Amino acid sequence: MLINKVISYLGAWENLIHNYTENYLEIVESVKNLNSQDHIHNNRMSLKELSSYWRLLLKECGWSKEKYITA
């Protein structure tokens, strides 16, 4: 997957790339997996279903709400 342009707010993109490279790569891989699933192309998924499925793919990479989302 190639990202051509990014709007970065207060250096968030640079921070992600330089300080959280592994997380960035996991996000990219999960998006690739999300796009490669045949059932997504063959069936229309609601935004809620798509969001839930993406969360599942991230969970398979070891992500959890408790670990990555801070208040």
Protein backbone atom coordinates (compact mmCIF):
# COMPACT_ATOMS: atom_id res chain seq x y z
CA MET A 1 0.00 0.00 0.00
CA LEU A 2 1.33 3.41 -0.95
CA ILE A 3 0.35 6.57 0.92
CA ASN A 4 0.82 9.60 -1.34
CA LYS A 5 -0.21 12.46 0.92
CA VAL A 6 -0.90 12.95 4.59
CA ILE A 7 -2.31 15.85 6.54
CA SER A 8 -0.42 15.90 9.82
CA TYR A 9 -1.78 17.77 12.80
CA LEU A 10 0.94 19.01 15.16
CA GLY A 11 3.44 16.50 13.77
CA ALA A 12 1.27 13.44 14.49
CA TRP A 13 2.25 11.70 11.23
CA GLU A 14 5.96 12.16 11.84
CA ASN A 15 5.54 10.98 15.43
CA LEU A 16 3.75 7.85 14.24
CA ILE A 17 6.36 7.03 11.59
CA HIS A 18 9.42 7.72 13.73
CA ASN A 19 8.30 6.63 17.19
CA TYR A 20 5.64 4.00 16.50
CA THR A 21 6.89 2.28 13.35
CA GLU A 22 5.67 -1.17 14.43
CA ASN A 23 2.18 0.18 15.12
CA TYR A 24 2.12 1.92 11.75
CA LEU A 25 3.11 -1.28 9.98
CA GLU A 26 0.38 -3.21 11.82
CA ILE A 27 -2.20 -0.62 10.77
CA VAL A 28 -1.09 -0.82 7.13
CA GLU A 29 -1.15 -4.64 7.21
CA SER A 30 -4.63 -4.72 8.73
CA VAL A 31 -5.92 -2.32 6.05
CA LYS A 32 -4.38 -4.56 3.37
CA ASN A 33 -6.12 -7.57 4.93
CA LEU A 34 -9.35 -5.61 5.18
CA ASN A 35 -9.22 -4.79 1.47
CA SER A 36 -8.21 -8.29 0.41
CA GLN A 37 -11.15 -10.11 2.00
CA ASP A 38 -13.46 -11.47 -0.71
CA HIS A 39 -16.59 -11.20 1.40
CA ILE A 40 -16.11 -7.44 1.69
CA HIS A 41 -16.01 -7.10 -2.08
CA ASN A 42 -18.92 -9.48 -2.63
CA ASN A 43 -21.19 -8.14 0.12
CA ARG A 44 -21.96 -4.64 1.13
CA MET A 45 -20.92 -4.09 4.71
CA SER A 46 -22.26 -1.32 6.86
CA LEU A 47 -19.77 1.11 8.34
CA LYS A 48 -20.39 -0.47 11.74
CA GLU A 49 -19.66 -3.98 10.38
CA LEU A 50 -16.54 -2.75 8.59
CA SER A 51 -15.32 -1.01 11.76
CA SER A 52 -15.91 -4.16 13.83
CA TYR A 53 -14.07 -6.28 11.28
CA TRP A 54 -11.10 -3.89 11.25
CA ARG A 55 -10.97 -4.03 15.06
CA LEU A 56 -10.86 -7.83 14.81
CA LEU A 57 -7.93 -7.65 12.38
CA LEU A 58 -6.08 -5.27 14.72
CA LYS A 59 -6.82 -7.57 17.65
CA GLU A 60 -5.19 -10.41 15.70
CA CYS A 61 -2.05 -8.19 15.59
CA GLY A 62 -2.13 -7.98 19.38
CA TRP A 63 -3.97 -4.67 19.67
CA SER A 64 -6.40 -4.00 22.48
CA LYS A 65 -8.36 -0.98 23.56
CA GLU A 66 -6.72 -1.00 26.95
CA LYS A 67 -3.21 -1.08 25.49
CA TYR A 68 -3.48 1.59 22.79
CA ILE A 69 -6.25 3.99 23.72
CA THR A 70 -5.44 6.36 26.54
CA ALA A 71 -7.72 8.98 27.99
